[in-house]
Amino acid sequence: MSDAPWYQTFFGEDYLRIYDFLTPERTEREVEGIVSLLALPAGSAILDLCCGHGRHAIALAKRGYRVTGLDLSEVFLQHAQSESEAQGVQVRWVHGDMRNIPFENEFDAVINIFTAFGYLENEDEDQVVLRQIQKALKPGGLFLLETKNREWLMRNLDPSEVIRYENGLIVLEERDFDLLTDICNVKVTMLHPDGNRREYSHAARMYTLRDYVHMLATAGLQIQAYYGGLDGSKLSLSSSRLVVIASRPV
């Protein structure tokens, strides 16, 4: 087993096989929500932090935004580069850690989508990320975070799930929520039709809305709004997603 943190090993080709439900149609709906909630004019500069294989960054670039995508996974960035070239759109792809964003006063907005926050070893490291986001934003710039709603997760956590794919792949997910650390741990076992077996794990620290408000303020960001999803719905205990929008003061 590798001693590397899970977030350095999980985001590769197998991830793309498991998460095949991230369809272009879903991405388009999510980007519609991002554009509506940010309400930025075309030509605005947006950083997609933890951009993955570029599905949001490319769609935003096609809408006329100047987009930068930053991610730690070189595999994902290679996919993103190939797809942006295939679609004929310009995106600046950057390989890097979200704790060290190499930009200052540059972006009208930073987005962090699909529970890409809370991965790191402790709360202090997560706070570093928020300070980096504040630094990267222009004065008046917006930060949009989209993640799981902790309150919904606590009520609906399924300890295990078996997912069967049309190509014969079987994926078993085993989930546990640590009440002491507020971390949701997931063990993923992939069973291929040829008998090949692979195991991964991933984890995310689940913060409450109140936690986010405090952490954002500590980082110099002011809460502007919160929702139960990118569709702008009202946040409630039955909302599976949480969207928080904050701004860097002018």
C-alpha atoms as a PDB file:
ATOM      1  CA  MET A   1       0.000   0.000   0.000  1.00  0.00           C
ATOM      2  CA  SER A   2       1.204   3.505  -0.788  1.00  0.00           C
ATOM      3  CA  ASP A   3       1.975   5.917   2.052  1.00  0.00           C
ATOM      4  CA  ALA A   4       0.840   8.828  -0.111  1.00  0.00           C
ATOM      5  CA  PRO A   5      -2.349  10.665   0.926  1.00  0.00           C
ATOM      6  CA  TRP A   6      -5.446   9.210  -0.722  1.00  0.00           C
ATOM      7  CA  TYR A   7      -6.039  12.372  -2.747  1.00  0.00           C
ATOM      8  CA  GLN A   8      -2.748  11.799  -4.569  1.00  0.00           C
ATOM      9  CA  THR A   9      -3.710   8.299  -5.741  1.00  0.00           C
ATOM     10  CA  PHE A  10      -7.501   8.207  -6.120  1.00  0.00           C
ATOM     11  CA  PHE A  11      -8.012  10.680  -8.952  1.00  0.00           C
ATOM     12  CA  GLY A  12      -6.949   8.679 -11.978  1.00  0.00           C
ATOM     13  CA  GLU A  13      -8.350   6.513 -14.763  1.00  0.00           C
ATOM     14  CA  ASP A  14     -10.335   4.297 -12.359  1.00  0.00           C
ATOM     15  CA  TYR A  15     -12.103   7.354 -10.943  1.00  0.00           C
ATOM     16  CA  LEU A  16     -13.343   8.184 -14.439  1.00  0.00           C
ATOM     17  CA  ARG A  17     -14.635   4.627 -14.810  1.00  0.00           C
ATOM     18  CA  ILE A  18     -16.499   4.772 -11.486  1.00  0.00           C
ATOM     19  CA  TYR A  19     -18.002   8.233 -11.939  1.00  0.00           C
ATOM     20  CA  ASP A  20     -19.455   7.685 -15.382  1.00  0.00           C
ATOM     21  CA  PHE A  21     -22.694   9.346 -14.200  1.00  0.00           C
ATOM     22  CA  LEU A  22     -21.009  12.757 -14.584  1.00  0.00           C
ATOM     23  CA  THR A  23     -22.636  13.193 -17.978  1.00  0.00           C
ATOM     24  CA  PRO A  24     -22.465  16.253 -20.283  1.00  0.00           C
ATOM     25  CA  GLU A  25     -26.137  16.876 -19.478  1.00  0.00           C
ATOM     26  CA  ARG A  26     -25.426  17.004 -15.753  1.00  0.00           C
ATOM     27  CA  THR A  27     -22.435  19.260 -16.322  1.00  0.00           C
ATOM     28  CA  GLU A  28     -24.542  21.638 -18.408  1.00  0.00           C
ATOM     29  CA  ARG A  29     -27.148  21.907 -15.641  1.00  0.00           C
ATOM     30  CA  GLU A  30     -24.451  22.582 -13.065  1.00  0.00           C
ATOM     31  CA  VAL A  31     -22.766  25.222 -15.196  1.00  0.00           C
ATOM     32  CA  GLU A  32     -26.129  26.909 -15.778  1.00  0.00           C
ATOM     33  CA  GLY A  33     -26.423  27.191 -12.016  1.00  0.00           C
ATOM     34  CA  ILE A  34     -22.869  28.465 -11.558  1.00  0.00           C
ATOM     35  CA  VAL A  35     -23.362  31.156 -14.191  1.00  0.00           C
ATOM     36  CA  SER A  36     -26.712  32.198 -12.738  1.00  0.00           C
ATOM     37  CA  LEU A  37     -25.479  32.389  -9.140  1.00  0.00           C
ATOM     38  CA  LEU A  38     -22.272  34.267  -9.950  1.00  0.00           C
ATOM     39  CA  ALA A  39     -23.963  36.643 -12.431  1.00  0.00           C
ATOM     40  CA  LEU A  40     -20.636  37.650 -13.982  1.00  0.00           C
ATOM     41  CA  PRO A  41     -20.345  39.151 -17.458  1.00  0.00           C
ATOM     42  CA  ALA A  42     -18.678  37.223 -20.266  1.00  0.00           C
ATOM     43  CA  GLY A  43     -14.943  37.777 -20.270  1.00  0.00           C
ATOM     44  CA  SER A  44     -14.668  37.548 -16.493  1.00  0.00           C
ATOM     45  CA  ALA A  45     -11.727  35.561 -15.127  1.00  0.00           C
ATOM     46  CA  ILE A  46     -12.685  32.366 -13.270  1.00  0.00           C
ATOM     47  CA  LEU A  47     -10.479  29.868 -11.442  1.00  0.00           C
ATOM     48  CA  ASP A  48     -11.885  26.333 -11.268  1.00  0.00           C
ATOM     49  CA  LEU A  49     -10.070  25.064  -8.185  1.00  0.00           C
ATOM     50  CA  CYS A  50      -9.722  21.268  -8.185  1.00  0.00           C
ATOM     51  CA  CYS A  51     -11.001  21.284 -11.762  1.00  0.00           C
ATOM     52  CA  GLY A  52     -10.676  17.530 -12.252  1.00  0.00           C
ATOM     53  CA  HIS A  53     -10.888  16.505 -15.891  1.00  0.00           C
ATOM     54  CA  GLY A  54     -12.209  19.936 -16.802  1.00  0.00           C
ATOM     55  CA  ARG A  55     -15.909  19.390 -17.290  1.00  0.00           C
ATOM     56  CA  HIS A  56     -16.956  22.699 -15.674  1.00  0.00           C
ATOM     57  CA  ALA A  57     -13.935  24.704 -16.832  1.00  0.00           C
ATOM     58  CA  ILE A  58     -14.443  23.792 -20.480  1.00  0.00           C
ATOM     59  CA  ALA A  59     -18.166  24.513 -20.377  1.00  0.00           C
ATOM     60  CA  LEU A  60     -17.513  27.911 -18.780  1.00  0.00           C
ATOM     61  CA  ALA A  61     -14.874  28.748 -21.379  1.00  0.00           C
ATOM     62  CA  LYS A  62     -17.374  27.934 -24.139  1.00  0.00           C
ATOM     63  CA  ARG A  63     -19.638  30.588 -22.605  1.00  0.00           C
ATOM     64  CA  GLY A  64     -17.006  33.252 -23.049  1.00  0.00           C
ATOM     65  CA  TYR A  65     -15.275  33.283 -19.654  1.00  0.00           C
ATOM     66  CA  ARG A  66     -11.500  33.376 -19.246  1.00  0.00           C
ATOM     67  CA  VAL A  67     -10.966  30.157 -17.325  1.00  0.00           C
ATOM     68  CA  THR A  68      -8.046  28.682 -15.428  1.00  0.00           C
ATOM     69  CA  GLY A  69      -8.269  25.116 -14.148  1.00  0.00           C
ATOM     70  CA  LEU A  70      -5.999  23.968 -11.310  1.00  0.00           C
ATOM     71  CA  ASP A  71      -5.722  20.373 -10.147  1.00  0.00           C
ATOM     72  CA  LEU A  72      -3.274  18.039  -8.427  1.00  0.00           C
ATOM     73  CA  SER A  73      -3.977  15.103 -10.762  1.00  0.00           C
ATOM     74  CA  GLU A  74      -1.812  15.078 -13.867  1.00  0.00           C
ATOM     75  CA  VAL A  75      -4.031  12.328 -15.303  1.00  0.00           C
ATOM     76  CA  PHE A  76      -7.082  14.568 -15.007  1.00  0.00           C
ATOM     77  CA  LEU A  77      -5.255  17.554 -16.500  1.00  0.00           C
ATOM     78  CA  GLN A  78      -4.175  15.471 -19.494  1.00  0.00           C
ATOM     79  CA  HIS A  79      -7.816  14.528 -20.089  1.00  0.00           C
ATOM     80  CA  ALA A  80      -8.847  18.161 -19.643  1.00  0.00           C
ATOM     81  CA  GLN A  81      -6.221  19.399 -22.121  1.00  0.00           C
ATOM     82  CA  SER A  82      -7.238  16.853 -24.743  1.00  0.00           C
ATOM     83  CA  GLU A  83     -10.950  17.629 -24.332  1.00  0.00           C
ATOM     84  CA  SER A  84     -10.510  21.400 -24.490  1.00  0.00           C
ATOM     85  CA  GLU A  85      -8.475  21.033 -27.673  1.00  0.00           C
ATOM     86  CA  ALA A  86     -11.099  18.710 -29.147  1.00  0.00           C
ATOM     87  CA  GLN A  87     -13.826  21.266 -28.395  1.00  0.00           C
ATOM     88  CA  GLY A  88     -11.742  24.177 -29.644  1.00  0.00           C
ATOM     89  CA  VAL A  89     -11.775  26.229 -26.441  1.00  0.00           C
ATOM     90  CA  GLN A  90      -8.927  27.918 -24.619  1.00  0.00           C
ATOM     91  CA  VAL A  91      -8.390  27.071 -20.949  1.00  0.00           C
ATOM     92  CA  ARG A  92      -5.231  27.640 -18.927  1.00  0.00           C
ATOM     93  CA  TRP A  93      -4.473  24.348 -17.169  1.00  0.00           C
ATOM     94  CA  VAL A  94      -2.276  24.456 -14.067  1.00  0.00           C
ATOM     95  CA  HIS A  95      -0.838  21.518 -12.146  1.00  0.00           C
ATOM     96  CA  GLY A  96      -0.744  22.373  -8.466  1.00  0.00           C
ATOM     97  CA  ASP A  97      -1.916  21.911  -4.885  1.00  0.00           C
ATOM     98  CA  MET A  98      -4.886  23.980  -3.708  1.00  0.00           C
ATOM     99  CA  ARG A  99      -2.843  25.016  -0.659  1.00  0.00           C
ATOM    100  CA  ASN A 100      -0.530  26.967  -2.961  1.00  0.00           C
ATOM    101  CA  ILE A 101      -2.491  28.878  -5.606  1.00  0.00           C
ATOM    102  CA  PRO A 102       0.103  30.710  -7.748  1.00  0.00           C
ATOM    103  CA  PHE A 103      -2.051  33.784  -8.445  1.00  0.00           C
ATOM    104  CA  GLU A 104      -2.807  37.021  -6.618  1.00  0.00           C
ATOM    105  CA  ASN A 105      -5.625  39.544  -7.202  1.00  0.00           C
ATOM    106  CA  GLU A 106      -6.365  37.843 -10.532  1.00  0.00           C
ATOM    107  CA  PHE A 107      -9.855  36.309 -10.568  1.00  0.00           C
ATOM    108  CA  ASP A 108     -13.382  37.650 -10.583  1.00  0.00           C
ATOM    109  CA  ALA A 109     -14.492  34.304  -9.171  1.00  0.00           C
ATOM    110  CA  VAL A 110     -13.096  31.065  -7.779  1.00  0.00           C
ATOM    111  CA  ILE A 111     -15.281  27.957  -7.892  1.00  0.00           C
ATOM    112  CA  ASN A 112     -14.832  24.661  -6.032  1.00  0.00           C
ATOM    113  CA  ILE A 113     -17.397  22.089  -7.158  1.00  0.00           C
ATOM    114  CA  PHE A 114     -18.479  18.504  -6.348  1.00  0.00           C
ATOM    115  CA  THR A 115     -17.231  18.188  -2.759  1.00  0.00           C
ATOM    116  CA  ALA A 116     -13.623  19.097  -3.541  1.00  0.00           C
ATOM    117  CA  PHE A 117     -13.012  20.698  -0.134  1.00  0.00           C
ATOM    118  CA  GLY A 118     -12.173  19.075   3.211  1.00  0.00           C
ATOM    119  CA  TYR A 119      -9.754  16.509   1.742  1.00  0.00           C
ATOM    120  CA  LEU A 120      -6.716  17.569   3.692  1.00  0.00           C
ATOM    121  CA  GLU A 121      -5.177  16.253   6.875  1.00  0.00           C
ATOM    122  CA  ASN A 122      -6.686  18.752   9.312  1.00  0.00           C
ATOM    123  CA  GLU A 123      -8.803  21.890   9.646  1.00  0.00           C
ATOM    124  CA  ASP A 124      -5.750  24.151   9.583  1.00  0.00           C
ATOM    125  CA  GLU A 125      -4.864  22.900   6.106  1.00  0.00           C
ATOM    126  CA  ASP A 126      -8.405  23.601   4.912  1.00  0.00           C
ATOM    127  CA  GLN A 127      -8.088  27.110   6.331  1.00  0.00           C
ATOM    128  CA  VAL A 128      -4.889  27.583   4.315  1.00  0.00           C
ATOM    129  CA  VAL A 129      -6.881  26.830   1.155  1.00  0.00           C
ATOM    130  CA  LEU A 130      -9.434  29.527   1.969  1.00  0.00           C
ATOM    131  CA  ARG A 131      -6.682  32.079   2.560  1.00  0.00           C
ATOM    132  CA  GLN A 132      -5.171  31.145  -0.794  1.00  0.00           C
ATOM    133  CA  ILE A 133      -8.557  31.652  -2.448  1.00  0.00           C
ATOM    134  CA  GLN A 134      -8.881  35.089  -0.840  1.00  0.00           C
ATOM    135  CA  LYS A 135      -5.436  36.002  -2.150  1.00  0.00           C
ATOM    136  CA  ALA A 136      -6.254  34.838  -5.691  1.00  0.00           C
ATOM    137  CA  LEU A 137      -9.478  36.856  -5.903  1.00  0.00           C
ATOM    138  CA  LYS A 138      -9.666  40.442  -7.023  1.00  0.00           C
ATOM    139  CA  PRO A 139     -11.217  42.815  -4.454  1.00  0.00           C
ATOM    140  CA  GLY A 140     -14.951  42.255  -4.824  1.00  0.00           C
ATOM    141  CA  GLY A 141     -14.376  38.815  -6.346  1.00  0.00           C
ATOM    142  CA  LEU A 142     -16.642  35.867  -5.491  1.00  0.00           C
ATOM    143  CA  PHE A 143     -15.974  32.390  -4.150  1.00  0.00           C
ATOM    144  CA  LEU A 144     -18.546  29.654  -4.871  1.00  0.00           C
ATOM    145  CA  LEU A 145     -18.270  26.383  -2.951  1.00  0.00           C
ATOM    146  CA  GLU A 146     -20.514  23.398  -3.797  1.00  0.00           C
ATOM    147  CA  THR A 147     -20.377  20.358  -1.519  1.00  0.00           C
ATOM    148  CA  LYS A 148     -22.404  17.782   0.368  1.00  0.00           C
ATOM    149  CA  ASN A 149     -24.786  19.103   3.008  1.00  0.00           C
ATOM    150  CA  ARG A 150     -23.526  17.633   6.290  1.00  0.00           C
ATOM    151  CA  GLU A 151     -26.986  17.706   7.895  1.00  0.00           C
ATOM    152  CA  TRP A 152     -28.482  15.678   5.035  1.00  0.00           C
ATOM    153  CA  LEU A 153     -25.563  13.233   5.077  1.00  0.00           C
ATOM    154  CA  MET A 154     -25.981  12.549   8.790  1.00  0.00           C
ATOM    155  CA  ARG A 155     -29.604  11.538   8.208  1.00  0.00           C
ATOM    156  CA  ASN A 156     -29.095   9.589   5.001  1.00  0.00           C
ATOM    157  CA  LEU A 157     -25.678   7.929   5.158  1.00  0.00           C
ATOM    158  CA  ASP A 158     -25.843   4.529   3.471  1.00  0.00           C
ATOM    159  CA  PRO A 159     -23.128   2.304   5.035  1.00  0.00           C
ATOM    160  CA  SER A 160     -22.706   0.225   1.886  1.00  0.00           C
ATOM    161  CA  GLU A 161     -23.715   0.225  -1.759  1.00  0.00           C
ATOM    162  CA  VAL A 162     -23.111  -2.127  -4.680  1.00  0.00           C
ATOM    163  CA  ILE A 163     -23.059  -0.519  -8.137  1.00  0.00           C
ATOM    164  CA  ARG A 164     -23.176  -2.682 -11.250  1.00  0.00           C
ATOM    165  CA  TYR A 165     -22.056  -1.255 -14.590  1.00  0.00           C
ATOM    166  CA  GLU A 166     -23.113  -2.337 -18.074  1.00  0.00           C
ATOM    167  CA  ASN A 167     -19.541  -3.370 -18.924  1.00  0.00           C
ATOM    168  CA  GLY A 168     -19.558  -5.907 -16.070  1.00  0.00           C
ATOM    169  CA  LEU A 169     -17.644  -3.800 -13.559  1.00  0.00           C
ATOM    170  CA  ILE A 170     -18.925  -4.079  -9.969  1.00  0.00           C
ATOM    171  CA  VAL A 171     -18.073  -1.352  -7.432  1.00  0.00           C
ATOM    172  CA  LEU A 172     -18.618  -1.762  -3.700  1.00  0.00           C
ATOM    173  CA  GLU A 173     -18.595   1.386  -1.560  1.00  0.00           C
ATOM    174  CA  GLU A 174     -18.378   1.075   2.236  1.00  0.00           C
ATOM    175  CA  ARG A 175     -18.989   4.324   4.145  1.00  0.00           C
ATOM    176  CA  ASP A 176     -18.417   5.425   7.725  1.00  0.00           C
ATOM    177  CA  PHE A 177     -18.851   8.804   9.409  1.00  0.00           C
ATOM    178  CA  ASP A 178     -16.436   9.553  12.238  1.00  0.00           C
ATOM    179  CA  LEU A 179     -18.341  11.687  14.746  1.00  0.00           C
ATOM    180  CA  LEU A 180     -15.134  12.765  16.495  1.00  0.00           C
ATOM    181  CA  THR A 181     -13.416  14.134  13.392  1.00  0.00           C
ATOM    182  CA  ASP A 182     -16.498  14.863  11.199  1.00  0.00           C
ATOM    183  CA  ILE A 183     -14.831  12.904   8.406  1.00  0.00           C
ATOM    184  CA  CYS A 184     -16.791  10.708   6.038  1.00  0.00           C
ATOM    185  CA  ASN A 185     -14.534   7.798   5.069  1.00  0.00           C
ATOM    186  CA  VAL A 186     -15.265   5.693   1.997  1.00  0.00           C
ATOM    187  CA  LYS A 187     -13.607   2.438   0.930  1.00  0.00           C
ATOM    188  CA  VAL A 188     -14.028   1.625  -2.755  1.00  0.00           C
ATOM    189  CA  THR A 189     -13.539  -1.900  -4.115  1.00  0.00           C
ATOM    190  CA  MET A 190     -13.571  -2.404  -7.885  1.00  0.00           C
ATOM    191  CA  LEU A 191     -14.266  -5.929  -9.193  1.00  0.00           C
ATOM    192  CA  HIS A 192     -13.561  -6.250 -12.903  1.00  0.00           C
ATOM    193  CA  PRO A 193     -15.136  -8.935 -15.129  1.00  0.00           C
ATOM    194  CA  ASP A 194     -11.725 -10.577 -15.583  1.00  0.00           C
ATOM    195  CA  GLY A 195     -11.400 -11.023 -11.809  1.00  0.00           C
ATOM    196  CA  ASN A 196      -9.032  -8.101 -11.303  1.00  0.00           C
ATOM    197  CA  ARG A 197      -9.654  -6.338  -7.988  1.00  0.00           C
ATOM    198  CA  ARG A 198      -8.571  -2.841  -6.978  1.00  0.00           C
ATOM    199  CA  GLU A 199      -9.154  -0.950  -3.750  1.00  0.00           C
ATOM    200  CA  TYR A 200      -9.132   2.768  -3.039  1.00  0.00           C
ATOM    201  CA  SER A 201     -10.224   5.036  -0.246  1.00  0.00           C
ATOM    202  CA  HIS A 202     -11.300   8.638  -0.048  1.00  0.00           C
ATOM    203  CA  ALA A 203     -12.423  10.916   2.745  1.00  0.00           C
ATOM    204  CA  ALA A 204     -13.818  14.389   3.283  1.00  0.00           C
ATOM    205  CA  ARG A 205     -14.264  16.499   6.383  1.00  0.00           C
ATOM    206  CA  MET A 206     -17.886  17.649   6.537  1.00  0.00           C
ATOM    207  CA  TYR A 207     -18.397  21.177   7.822  1.00  0.00           C
ATOM    208  CA  THR A 208     -21.659  22.782   8.888  1.00  0.00           C
ATOM    209  CA  LEU A 209     -22.866  26.003   7.300  1.00  0.00           C
ATOM    210  CA  ARG A 210     -21.932  27.778  10.527  1.00  0.00           C
ATOM    211  CA  ASP A 211     -18.411  26.318  10.284  1.00  0.00           C
ATOM    212  CA  TYR A 212     -18.059  27.646   6.748  1.00  0.00           C
ATOM    213  CA  VAL A 213     -19.202  31.119   7.746  1.00  0.00           C
ATOM    214  CA  HIS A 214     -16.589  31.211  10.521  1.00  0.00           C
ATOM    215  CA  MET A 215     -13.787  29.801   8.353  1.00  0.00           C
ATOM    216  CA  LEU A 216     -14.535  32.149   5.482  1.00  0.00           C
ATOM    217  CA  ALA A 217     -14.537  35.152   7.823  1.00  0.00           C
ATOM    218  CA  THR A 218     -11.211  34.031   9.280  1.00  0.00           C
ATOM    219  CA  ALA A 219      -9.814  33.943   5.735  1.00  0.00           C
ATOM    220  CA  GLY A 220     -11.070  37.447   4.986  1.00  0.00           C
ATOM    221  CA  LEU A 221     -14.122  36.427   2.962  1.00  0.00           C
ATOM    222  CA  GLN A 222     -17.661  37.621   3.652  1.00  0.00           C
ATOM    223  CA  ILE A 223     -20.634  35.297   3.272  1.00  0.00           C
ATOM    224  CA  GLN A 224     -23.078  36.545   0.649  1.00  0.00           C
ATOM    225  CA  ALA A 225     -25.586  33.721   0.219  1.00  0.00           C
ATOM    226  CA  TYR A 226     -26.183  30.009   0.692  1.00  0.00           C
ATOM    227  CA  TYR A 227     -28.399  27.522  -1.137  1.00  0.00           C
ATOM    228  CA  GLY A 228     -29.474  23.893  -1.239  1.00  0.00           C
ATOM    229  CA  GLY A 229     -27.845  23.335  -4.633  1.00  0.00           C
ATOM    230  CA  LEU A 230     -26.570  25.012  -7.777  1.00  0.00           C
ATOM    231  CA  ASP A 231     -30.182  25.468  -8.853  1.00  0.00           C
ATOM    232  CA  GLY A 232     -30.478  28.194  -6.209  1.00  0.00           C
ATOM    233  CA  SER A 233     -33.006  26.271  -4.116  1.00  0.00           C
ATOM    234  CA  LYS A 234     -33.487  27.105  -0.444  1.00  0.00           C
ATOM    235  CA  LEU A 235     -31.186  25.220   1.915  1.00  0.00           C
ATOM    236  CA  SER A 236     -33.003  22.811   4.240  1.00  0.00           C
ATOM    237  CA  LEU A 237     -32.355  19.579   6.128  1.00  0.00           C
ATOM    238  CA  SER A 238     -33.605  17.714   3.055  1.00  0.00           C
ATOM    239  CA  SER A 239     -31.052  19.390   0.742  1.00  0.00           C
ATOM    240  CA  SER A 240     -28.376  16.891  -0.247  1.00  0.00           C
ATOM    241  CA  ARG A 241     -26.055  19.658  -1.473  1.00  0.00           C
ATOM    242  CA  LEU A 242     -24.811  22.918   0.004  1.00  0.00           C
ATOM    243  CA  VAL A 243     -23.712  25.955  -1.966  1.00  0.00           C
ATOM    244  CA  VAL A 244     -21.995  28.851  -0.223  1.00  0.00           C
ATOM    245  CA  ILE A 245     -21.076  32.131  -1.919  1.00  0.00           C
ATOM    246  CA  ALA A 246     -18.658  34.547  -0.306  1.00  0.00           C
ATOM    247  CA  SER A 247     -16.818  37.648  -1.488  1.00  0.00           C
ATOM    248  CA  ARG A 248     -13.501  39.341  -0.941  1.00  0.00           C
ATOM    249  CA  PRO A 249     -14.225  42.837   0.403  1.00  0.00           C
ATOM    250  CA  VAL A 250     -13.424  45.729  -1.905  1.00  0.00           C
END
